Amino acid sequence: MELINKPLTEKQKKFSEIYCTYKGVLSNQECAVEAGYAKDSAYARATELLNPKICPHVVKYIHEIEEDVKTKYEISKDSHMAELWRIREEAKNKNQTLVRLRAEELRGKLMGYYVDKKQTLNVNKSLNDLSEEELEKRMNDIRSQYSHFIEVKKNDVDKRLEEYQTEKKESRNGKK
């Protein structure tokens, strides 16, 4: 008989069930102790039981339990809608208006009748975050604020360029 098809002992079944139930709450060693393994060897037993090369039949059983749990608690649009309907009806029977309203609102959102729209205002936006219109407005504000620095007459620019080129020629001639 292949090891993977070997029947589990009661301790192995109990360990697997405790492991799946308290996964993340109890350590593997604590699960082994709870299942009835000796405290001195519980760490080694837990390591062996969770090793697919040593105990593939236990690992297989643990995966089966986990799949059953996933199936049991799986959520789909239909099951979610049914649960919200059940909550709504229960709230209606208990005259809990706010709970009933909330369940109905969530059913509407699930069906797409409501759309949550959130807008975040960030005053300290970087230039990369701005839209094209915001960039143009910002550019125009800067132009108007610093216009006295920016506005240079064309003749002044031409004159400065000519002076620069003359200085450059003279420095070349002086070096020769």
N, C-alpha and C. Protein backbone atom coordinates (compact mmCIF):
# COMPACT_ATOMS: atom_id res chain seq x y z
N MET A 1 0.84 -1.19 0.00
CA MET A 1 0.00 0.00 0.00
C MET A 1 0.89 1.25 0.00
N GLU A 2 0.54 2.20 -0.89
CA GLU A 2 1.28 3.46 -0.94
C GLU A 2 1.04 4.26 0.32
N LEU A 3 2.07 4.97 0.73
CA LEU A 3 1.99 5.75 1.97
C LEU A 3 0.92 6.83 1.89
N ILE A 4 0.72 7.41 0.69
CA ILE A 4 -0.27 8.49 0.55
C ILE A 4 -1.71 7.99 0.78
N ASN A 5 -1.94 6.71 0.54
CA ASN A 5 -3.28 6.13 0.72
C ASN A 5 -3.43 5.42 2.06
N LYS A 6 -2.40 5.45 2.88
CA LYS A 6 -2.43 4.80 4.18
C LYS A 6 -3.46 5.50 5.07
N PRO A 7 -4.27 4.73 5.81
CA PRO A 7 -5.25 5.36 6.70
C PRO A 7 -4.54 6.10 7.85
N LEU A 8 -5.15 7.18 8.28
CA LEU A 8 -4.57 7.98 9.35
C LEU A 8 -4.93 7.39 10.71
N THR A 9 -4.02 7.55 11.64
CA THR A 9 -4.32 7.15 13.02
C THR A 9 -5.21 8.24 13.63
N GLU A 10 -5.77 7.95 14.79
CA GLU A 10 -6.63 8.93 15.45
C GLU A 10 -5.83 10.19 15.82
N LYS A 11 -4.60 10.00 16.28
CA LYS A 11 -3.76 11.16 16.64
C LYS A 11 -3.46 12.00 15.41
N GLN A 12 -3.19 11.35 14.28
CA GLN A 12 -2.90 12.09 13.05
C GLN A 12 -4.12 12.89 12.60
N LYS A 13 -5.31 12.28 12.68
CA LYS A 13 -6.54 13.00 12.32
C LYS A 13 -6.76 14.19 13.25
N LYS A 14 -6.58 13.94 14.55
CA LYS A 14 -6.80 14.99 15.53
C LYS A 14 -5.80 16.14 15.31
N PHE A 15 -4.52 15.77 15.06
CA PHE A 15 -3.51 16.80 14.78
C PHE A 15 -3.92 17.63 13.56
N SER A 16 -4.34 16.97 12.50
CA SER A 16 -4.72 17.67 11.27
C SER A 16 -5.87 18.63 11.52
N GLU A 17 -6.88 18.18 12.27
CA GLU A 17 -8.04 19.03 12.55
C GLU A 17 -7.67 20.21 13.43
N ILE A 18 -6.85 19.95 14.45
CA ILE A 18 -6.41 21.04 15.33
C ILE A 18 -5.54 22.02 14.54
N TYR A 19 -4.66 21.48 13.72
CA TYR A 19 -3.77 22.31 12.90
C TYR A 19 -4.58 23.25 12.00
N CYS A 20 -5.60 22.71 11.33
CA CYS A 20 -6.41 23.54 10.43
C CYS A 20 -7.28 24.53 11.19
N THR A 21 -7.76 24.14 12.34
CA THR A 21 -8.64 25.01 13.13
C THR A 21 -7.87 26.16 13.77
N TYR A 22 -6.70 25.86 14.30
CA TYR A 22 -5.95 26.87 15.05
C TYR A 22 -4.68 27.34 14.35
N LYS A 23 -4.64 27.19 13.04
CA LYS A 23 -3.48 27.62 12.26
C LYS A 23 -3.24 29.11 12.48
N GLY A 24 -2.03 29.45 12.87
CA GLY A 24 -1.71 30.85 13.13
C GLY A 24 -1.97 31.25 14.57
N VAL A 25 -2.72 30.45 15.32
CA VAL A 25 -2.99 30.73 16.73
C VAL A 25 -2.08 29.87 17.60
N LEU A 26 -2.07 28.58 17.30
CA LEU A 26 -1.19 27.65 18.00
C LEU A 26 0.00 27.32 17.11
N SER A 27 1.13 27.05 17.73
CA SER A 27 2.30 26.61 16.96
C SER A 27 2.09 25.16 16.54
N ASN A 28 2.89 24.70 15.61
CA ASN A 28 2.79 23.30 15.17
C ASN A 28 3.03 22.35 16.35
N GLN A 29 3.98 22.70 17.19
CA GLN A 29 4.29 21.89 18.37
C GLN A 29 3.09 21.83 19.31
N GLU A 30 2.44 22.96 19.54
CA GLU A 30 1.26 23.00 20.42
C GLU A 30 0.12 22.17 19.84
N CYS A 31 -0.02 22.19 18.51
CA CYS A 31 -1.06 21.36 17.87
C CYS A 31 -0.78 19.88 18.12
N ALA A 32 0.49 19.48 18.05
CA ALA A 32 0.86 18.08 18.29
C ALA A 32 0.58 17.70 19.74
N VAL A 33 0.88 18.57 20.68
CA VAL A 33 0.61 18.29 22.10
C VAL A 33 -0.89 18.15 22.31
N GLU A 34 -1.68 19.06 21.73
CA GLU A 34 -3.14 19.00 21.85
C GLU A 34 -3.70 17.70 21.26
N ALA A 35 -3.04 17.20 20.24
CA ALA A 35 -3.50 15.97 19.58
C ALA A 35 -3.14 14.72 20.39
N GLY A 36 -2.28 14.88 21.40
CA GLY A 36 -1.95 13.75 22.26
C GLY A 36 -0.53 13.25 22.14
N TYR A 37 0.30 13.91 21.38
CA TYR A 37 1.70 13.51 21.28
C TYR A 37 2.45 13.99 22.52
N ALA A 38 3.50 13.28 22.88
CA ALA A 38 4.29 13.63 24.06
C ALA A 38 4.92 15.00 23.87
N LYS A 39 4.95 15.77 24.95
CA LYS A 39 5.46 17.13 24.90
C LYS A 39 6.93 17.17 24.47
N ASP A 40 7.71 16.16 24.92
CA ASP A 40 9.14 16.12 24.60
C ASP A 40 9.40 15.92 23.11
N SER A 41 8.52 15.18 22.44
CA SER A 41 8.74 14.87 21.02
C SER A 41 7.75 15.58 20.10
N ALA A 42 6.95 16.47 20.64
CA ALA A 42 5.89 17.13 19.86
C ALA A 42 6.43 17.93 18.69
N TYR A 43 7.55 18.61 18.89
CA TYR A 43 8.13 19.42 17.81
C TYR A 43 8.53 18.53 16.64
N ALA A 44 9.19 17.42 16.95
CA ALA A 44 9.62 16.48 15.90
C ALA A 44 8.43 15.84 15.22
N ARG A 45 7.41 15.46 16.00
CA ARG A 45 6.21 14.84 15.41
C ARG A 45 5.50 15.81 14.48
N ALA A 46 5.37 17.06 14.91
CA ALA A 46 4.69 18.07 14.07
C ALA A 46 5.45 18.27 12.77
N THR A 47 6.77 18.34 12.85
CA THR A 47 7.60 18.51 11.66
C THR A 47 7.42 17.33 10.71
N GLU A 48 7.39 16.12 11.25
CA GLU A 48 7.20 14.91 10.44
C GLU A 48 5.82 14.90 9.80
N LEU A 49 4.80 15.22 10.60
CA LEU A 49 3.42 15.17 10.10
C LEU A 49 3.17 16.18 8.99
N LEU A 50 3.88 17.28 9.01
CA LEU A 50 3.68 18.33 8.00
C LEU A 50 4.63 18.20 6.80
N ASN A 51 5.49 17.19 6.84
CA ASN A 51 6.44 16.97 5.76
C ASN A 51 5.83 16.01 4.73
N PRO A 52 5.61 16.45 3.49
CA PRO A 52 4.97 15.59 2.49
C PRO A 52 5.82 14.38 2.09
N LYS A 53 7.11 14.42 2.34
CA LYS A 53 7.97 13.27 2.02
C LYS A 53 7.87 12.19 3.09
N ILE A 54 7.64 12.59 4.33
CA ILE A 54 7.56 11.63 5.43
C ILE A 54 6.12 11.15 5.64
N CYS A 55 5.17 12.08 5.66
CA CYS A 55 3.77 11.74 5.92
C CYS A 55 2.85 12.35 4.85
N PRO A 56 2.93 11.88 3.61
CA PRO A 56 2.10 12.48 2.56
C PRO A 56 0.60 12.29 2.81
N HIS A 57 0.23 11.21 3.49
CA HIS A 57 -1.19 10.96 3.77
C HIS A 57 -1.75 12.00 4.74
N VAL A 58 -0.94 12.48 5.70
CA VAL A 58 -1.39 13.50 6.65
C VAL A 58 -1.50 14.85 5.93
N VAL A 59 -0.50 15.18 5.12
CA VAL A 59 -0.51 16.43 4.37
C VAL A 59 -1.71 16.46 3.42
N LYS A 60 -1.99 15.33 2.79
CA LYS A 60 -3.14 15.23 1.89
C LYS A 60 -4.45 15.49 2.67
N TYR A 61 -4.57 14.91 3.85
CA TYR A 61 -5.77 15.10 4.67
C TYR A 61 -5.92 16.56 5.10
N ILE A 62 -4.80 17.19 5.45
CA ILE A 62 -4.84 18.61 5.82
C ILE A 62 -5.33 19.45 4.64
N HIS A 63 -4.84 19.16 3.44
CA HIS A 63 -5.28 19.90 2.25
C HIS A 63 -6.77 19.68 1.99
N GLU A 64 -7.26 18.47 2.23
CA GLU A 64 -8.69 18.19 2.06
C GLU A 64 -9.53 19.02 3.03
N ILE A 65 -9.08 19.10 4.28
CA ILE A 65 -9.79 19.91 5.28
C ILE A 65 -9.80 21.37 4.86
N GLU A 66 -8.64 21.87 4.42
CA GLU A 66 -8.54 23.29 4.01
C GLU A 66 -9.44 23.58 2.82
N GLU A 67 -9.54 22.65 1.88
CA GLU A 67 -10.43 22.83 0.72
C GLU A 67 -11.89 22.86 1.14
N ASP A 68 -12.25 21.99 2.09
CA ASP A 68 -13.63 21.98 2.61
C ASP A 68 -13.97 23.31 3.26
N VAL A 69 -13.01 23.85 4.02
CA VAL A 69 -13.23 25.15 4.68
C VAL A 69 -13.39 26.25 3.65
N LYS A 70 -12.54 26.23 2.61
CA LYS A 70 -12.64 27.25 1.55
C LYS A 70 -14.00 27.17 0.87
N THR A 71 -14.45 25.96 0.58
CA THR A 71 -15.75 25.79 -0.08
C THR A 71 -16.89 26.25 0.82
N LYS A 72 -16.80 25.91 2.11
CA LYS A 72 -17.85 26.27 3.06
C LYS A 72 -18.00 27.78 3.20
N TYR A 73 -16.86 28.48 3.25
CA TYR A 73 -16.90 29.92 3.47
C TYR A 73 -16.70 30.74 2.20
N GLU A 74 -16.73 30.09 1.05
CA GLU A 74 -16.57 30.79 -0.21
C GLU A 74 -17.71 31.78 -0.40
N ILE A 75 -17.37 32.91 -0.95
CA ILE A 75 -18.39 33.94 -1.17
C ILE A 75 -18.54 34.17 -2.67
N SER A 76 -19.77 34.22 -3.09
CA SER A 76 -20.07 34.54 -4.47
C SER A 76 -21.09 35.67 -4.45
N LYS A 77 -21.35 36.24 -5.59
CA LYS A 77 -22.31 37.34 -5.66
C LYS A 77 -23.70 36.86 -5.19
N ASP A 78 -24.07 35.66 -5.62
CA ASP A 78 -25.39 35.13 -5.24
C ASP A 78 -25.48 34.85 -3.75
N SER A 79 -24.44 34.20 -3.19
CA SER A 79 -24.50 33.89 -1.76
C SER A 79 -24.45 35.17 -0.92
N HIS A 80 -23.69 36.15 -1.39
CA HIS A 80 -23.61 37.43 -0.68
C HIS A 80 -24.96 38.14 -0.72
N MET A 81 -25.59 38.12 -1.88
CA MET A 81 -26.91 38.75 -2.02
C MET A 81 -27.92 38.07 -1.11
N ALA A 82 -27.87 36.73 -1.06
CA ALA A 82 -28.80 35.98 -0.22
C ALA A 82 -28.58 36.30 1.26
N GLU A 83 -27.33 36.41 1.65
CA GLU A 83 -27.03 36.72 3.06
C GLU A 83 -27.50 38.13 3.41
N LEU A 84 -27.29 39.09 2.53
CA LEU A 84 -27.79 40.45 2.78
C LEU A 84 -29.31 40.47 2.86
N TRP A 85 -29.97 39.67 2.03
CA TRP A 85 -31.43 39.58 2.07
C TRP A 85 -31.88 39.00 3.40
N ARG A 86 -31.17 37.95 3.87
CA ARG A 86 -31.52 37.32 5.15
C ARG A 86 -31.36 38.33 6.29
N ILE A 87 -30.26 39.09 6.28
CA ILE A 87 -30.04 40.10 7.31
C ILE A 87 -31.12 41.17 7.26
N ARG A 88 -31.47 41.58 6.06
CA ARG A 88 -32.51 42.59 5.88
C ARG A 88 -33.84 42.12 6.46
N GLU A 89 -34.22 40.89 6.13
CA GLU A 89 -35.49 40.35 6.62
C GLU A 89 -35.49 40.17 8.13
N GLU A 90 -34.36 39.72 8.67
CA GLU A 90 -34.25 39.54 10.12
C GLU A 90 -34.36 40.90 10.81
N ALA A 91 -33.72 41.92 10.26
CA ALA A 91 -33.79 43.27 10.82
C ALA A 91 -35.21 43.82 10.70
N LYS A 92 -35.89 43.49 9.62
CA LYS A 92 -37.27 43.94 9.43
C LYS A 92 -38.17 43.33 10.50
N ASN A 93 -37.98 42.04 10.77
CA ASN A 93 -38.79 41.36 11.78
C ASN A 93 -38.51 41.89 13.18
N LYS A 94 -37.29 42.34 13.44
CA LYS A 94 -36.92 42.87 14.75
C LYS A 94 -37.09 44.38 14.83
N ASN A 95 -37.61 44.97 13.76
CA ASN A 95 -37.83 46.41 13.68
C ASN A 95 -36.53 47.20 13.87
N GLN A 96 -35.45 46.71 13.25
CA GLN A 96 -34.16 47.39 13.30
C GLN A 96 -33.97 48.14 11.98
N THR A 97 -34.47 49.33 11.93
CA THR A 97 -34.52 50.10 10.70
C THR A 97 -33.13 50.38 10.12
N LEU A 98 -32.19 50.77 10.95
CA LEU A 98 -30.87 51.13 10.45
C LEU A 98 -30.13 49.92 9.86
N VAL A 99 -30.26 48.77 10.51
CA VAL A 99 -29.63 47.55 10.00
C VAL A 99 -30.27 47.18 8.67
N ARG A 100 -31.57 47.28 8.62
CA ARG A 100 -32.32 46.97 7.40
C ARG A 100 -31.89 47.88 6.26
N LEU A 101 -31.78 49.18 6.54
CA LEU A 101 -31.35 50.15 5.53
C LEU A 101 -29.94 49.85 5.03
N ARG A 102 -29.05 49.53 5.95
CA ARG A 102 -27.65 49.25 5.57
C ARG A 102 -27.58 48.00 4.70
N ALA A 103 -28.32 46.95 5.06
CA ALA A 103 -28.34 45.73 4.26
C ALA A 103 -28.87 46.02 2.86
N GLU A 104 -29.89 46.84 2.78
CA GLU A 104 -30.47 47.18 1.48
C GLU A 104 -29.49 48.01 0.65
N GLU A 105 -28.80 48.93 1.32
CA GLU A 105 -27.79 49.75 0.62
C GLU A 105 -26.68 48.86 0.06
N LEU A 106 -26.22 47.91 0.86
CA LEU A 106 -25.15 47.02 0.40
C LEU A 106 -25.62 46.13 -0.75
N ARG A 107 -26.86 45.71 -0.72
CA ARG A 107 -27.40 44.93 -1.83
C ARG A 107 -27.39 45.77 -3.11
N GLY A 108 -27.77 47.04 -2.98
CA GLY A 108 -27.77 47.95 -4.13
C GLY A 108 -26.37 48.17 -4.67
N LYS A 109 -25.39 48.31 -3.78
CA LYS A 109 -24.00 48.47 -4.22
C LYS A 109 -23.50 47.22 -4.92
N LEU A 110 -23.88 46.06 -4.39
CA LEU A 110 -23.48 44.80 -5.00
C LEU A 110 -24.02 44.68 -6.42
N MET A 111 -25.21 45.19 -6.65
CA MET A 111 -25.82 45.13 -7.97
C MET A 111 -25.35 46.27 -8.88
N GLY A 112 -24.58 47.22 -8.32
CA GLY A 112 -24.04 48.29 -9.14
C GLY A 112 -24.95 49.51 -9.25
N TYR A 113 -25.95 49.60 -8.37
CA TYR A 113 -26.85 50.75 -8.41
C TYR A 113 -26.24 52.00 -7.79
N TYR A 114 -25.24 51.82 -6.96
CA TYR A 114 -24.57 52.95 -6.32
C TYR A 114 -23.10 52.92 -6.69
N VAL A 115 -22.53 54.08 -6.85
CA VAL A 115 -21.10 54.18 -7.14
C VAL A 115 -20.50 55.12 -6.12
N ASP A 116 -19.50 54.64 -5.40
CA ASP A 116 -18.80 55.51 -4.46
C ASP A 116 -17.77 56.32 -5.22
N LYS A 117 -17.86 57.62 -5.09
CA LYS A 117 -16.90 58.48 -5.76
C LYS A 117 -16.16 59.24 -4.68
N LYS A 118 -14.86 59.07 -4.66
CA LYS A 118 -14.05 59.76 -3.68
C LYS A 118 -13.05 60.62 -4.43
N GLN A 119 -12.86 61.81 -3.92
CA GLN A 119 -11.92 62.72 -4.54
C GLN A 119 -10.99 63.22 -3.44
N THR A 120 -9.72 63.12 -3.68
CA THR A 120 -8.74 63.55 -2.71
C THR A 120 -8.14 64.86 -3.17
N LEU A 121 -8.15 65.82 -2.28
CA LEU A 121 -7.56 67.12 -2.58
C LEU A 121 -6.20 67.17 -1.91
N ASN A 122 -5.19 67.33 -2.72
CA ASN A 122 -3.83 67.41 -2.21
C ASN A 122 -3.27 68.77 -2.58
N VAL A 123 -3.14 69.62 -1.60
CA VAL A 123 -2.69 70.98 -1.84
C VAL A 123 -1.24 71.00 -2.31
N ASN A 124 -0.44 70.09 -1.81
CA ASN A 124 0.98 70.07 -2.14
C ASN A 124 1.26 69.12 -3.29
N LYS A 125 0.59 69.33 -4.40
CA LYS A 125 0.80 68.47 -5.57
C LYS A 125 2.13 68.79 -6.22
N SER A 126 2.77 67.77 -6.73
CA SER A 126 3.98 68.01 -7.52
C SER A 126 3.55 68.30 -8.95
N LEU A 127 4.47 68.76 -9.77
CA LEU A 127 4.13 69.06 -11.16
C LEU A 127 3.64 67.82 -11.90
N ASN A 128 4.15 66.65 -11.53
CA ASN A 128 3.71 65.42 -12.19
C ASN A 128 2.26 65.07 -11.90
N ASP A 129 1.73 65.57 -10.77
CA ASP A 129 0.36 65.27 -10.38
C ASP A 129 -0.67 66.21 -11.01
N LEU A 130 -0.21 67.30 -11.61
CA LEU A 130 -1.14 68.31 -12.13
C LEU A 130 -1.66 67.92 -13.52
N SER A 131 -2.89 68.33 -13.78
CA SER A 131 -3.46 68.12 -15.12
C SER A 131 -2.90 69.19 -16.06
N GLU A 132 -3.17 69.04 -17.34
CA GLU A 132 -2.66 69.99 -18.32
C GLU A 132 -3.21 71.39 -18.06
N GLU A 133 -4.49 71.47 -17.70
CA GLU A 133 -5.10 72.78 -17.43
C GLU A 133 -4.47 73.42 -16.20
N GLU A 134 -4.22 72.60 -15.16
CA GLU A 134 -3.60 73.13 -13.96
C GLU A 134 -2.17 73.61 -14.23
N LEU A 135 -1.46 72.88 -15.08
CA LEU A 135 -0.10 73.29 -15.44
C LEU A 135 -0.09 74.63 -16.18
N GLU A 136 -1.02 74.79 -17.14
CA GLU A 136 -1.10 76.05 -17.88
C GLU A 136 -1.44 77.21 -16.95
N LYS A 137 -2.37 77.00 -16.03
CA LYS A 137 -2.75 78.04 -15.09
C LYS A 137 -1.55 78.42 -14.22
N ARG A 138 -0.84 77.42 -13.75
CA ARG A 138 0.34 77.65 -12.91
C ARG A 138 1.40 78.43 -13.69
N MET A 139 1.61 78.04 -14.97
CA MET A 139 2.60 78.71 -15.80
C MET A 139 2.21 80.18 -16.01
N ASN A 140 0.93 80.43 -16.28
CA ASN A 140 0.48 81.81 -16.47
C ASN A 140 0.61 82.63 -15.20
N ASP A 141 0.34 82.02 -14.05
CA ASP A 141 0.50 82.72 -12.77
C ASP A 141 1.97 83.11 -12.55
N ILE A 142 2.87 82.20 -12.86
CA ILE A 142 4.30 82.47 -12.71
C ILE A 142 4.74 83.57 -13.66
N ARG A 143 4.26 83.53 -14.91
CA ARG A 143 4.60 84.57 -15.89
C ARG A 143 4.16 85.94 -15.41
N SER A 144 2.91 86.02 -14.91
CA SER A 144 2.42 87.34 -14.47
C SER A 144 3.13 87.80 -13.20
N GLN A 145 3.46 86.88 -12.32
CA GLN A 145 4.12 87.24 -11.06
C GLN A 145 5.56 87.71 -11.29
N TYR A 146 6.27 87.10 -12.25
CA TYR A 146 7.67 87.41 -12.48
C TYR A 146 7.91 88.06 -13.86
N SER A 147 6.91 88.74 -14.36
CA SER A 147 7.01 89.32 -15.71
C SER A 147 8.15 90.33 -15.82
N HIS A 148 8.42 91.06 -14.76
CA HIS A 148 9.48 92.07 -14.82
C HIS A 148 10.86 91.44 -15.00
N PHE A 149 11.01 90.17 -14.63
CA PHE A 149 12.27 89.47 -14.87
C PHE A 149 12.31 88.85 -16.26
N ILE A 150 11.15 88.40 -16.70
CA ILE A 150 11.07 87.64 -17.94
C ILE A 150 11.12 88.53 -19.17
N GLU A 151 10.42 89.69 -19.12
CA GLU A 151 10.31 90.54 -20.29
C GLU A 151 11.64 91.24 -20.58
N VAL A 152 12.25 90.82 -21.63
CA VAL A 152 13.50 91.45 -22.08
C VAL A 152 13.27 91.83 -23.53
N LYS A 153 13.62 93.05 -23.85
CA LYS A 153 13.40 93.51 -25.23
C LYS A 153 14.31 92.75 -26.17
N LYS A 154 13.81 92.51 -27.37
CA LYS A 154 14.56 91.75 -28.37
C LYS A 154 15.89 92.42 -28.69
N ASN A 155 15.90 93.73 -28.76
CA ASN A 155 17.14 94.46 -29.07
C ASN A 155 18.20 94.23 -28.00
N ASP A 156 17.78 94.18 -26.74
CA ASP A 156 18.72 93.94 -25.65
C ASP A 156 19.38 92.58 -25.80
N VAL A 157 18.59 91.57 -26.17
CA VAL A 157 19.11 90.21 -26.34
C VAL A 157 20.10 90.19 -27.50
N ASP A 158 19.73 90.82 -28.62
CA ASP A 158 20.62 90.86 -29.79
C ASP A 158 21.92 91.58 -29.44
N LYS A 159 21.82 92.66 -28.70
CA LYS A 159 22.99 93.46 -28.33
C LYS A 159 23.91 92.63 -27.43
N ARG A 160 23.34 91.95 -26.44
CA ARG A 160 24.14 91.13 -25.52
C ARG A 160 24.81 89.98 -26.26
N LEU A 161 24.11 89.36 -27.20
CA LEU A 161 24.67 88.26 -27.98
C LEU A 161 25.85 88.76 -28.81
N GLU A 162 25.70 89.93 -29.42
CA GLU A 162 26.77 90.51 -30.25
C GLU A 162 28.00 90.83 -29.39
N GLU A 163 27.77 91.36 -28.19
CA GLU A 163 28.88 91.66 -27.28
C GLU A 163 29.61 90.38 -26.88
N TYR A 164 28.87 89.35 -26.61
CA TYR A 164 29.46 88.06 -26.22
C TYR A 164 30.33 87.50 -27.33
N GLN A 165 29.78 87.53 -28.55
CA GLN A 165 30.53 86.99 -29.69
C GLN A 165 31.81 87.81 -29.94
N THR A 166 31.76 89.13 -29.77
CA THR A 166 32.92 90.00 -29.96
C THR A 166 33.99 89.67 -28.92
N GLU A 167 33.56 89.53 -27.66
CA GLU A 167 34.50 89.19 -26.59
C GLU A 167 35.17 87.85 -26.87
N LYS A 168 34.41 86.91 -27.38
CA LYS A 168 34.93 85.58 -27.67
C LYS A 168 36.00 85.66 -28.77
N LYS A 169 35.73 86.43 -29.82
CA LYS A 169 36.70 86.59 -30.93
C LYS A 169 37.98 87.25 -30.43
N GLU A 170 37.83 88.29 -29.61
CA GLU A 170 38.99 89.00 -29.10
C GLU A 170 39.86 88.11 -28.23
N SER A 171 39.21 87.29 -27.42
CA SER A 171 39.99 86.39 -26.55
C SER A 171 40.73 85.35 -27.39
N ARG A 172 40.15 84.92 -28.49
CA ARG A 172 40.82 83.97 -29.39
C ARG A 172 42.04 84.65 -30.05
N ASN A 173 41.82 85.86 -30.54
CA ASN A 173 42.90 86.60 -31.22
C ASN A 173 44.03 86.89 -30.26
N GLY A 174 43.69 87.16 -29.02
CA GLY A 174 44.71 87.46 -28.03
C GLY A 174 45.54 86.26 -27.68
N LYS A 175 44.98 85.06 -27.82
CA LYS A 175 45.69 83.84 -27.49
C LYS A 175 46.63 83.43 -28.59
N LYS A 176 46.33 83.82 -29.83
CA LYS A 176 47.16 83.41 -30.97
C LYS A 176 48.45 84.01 -30.94
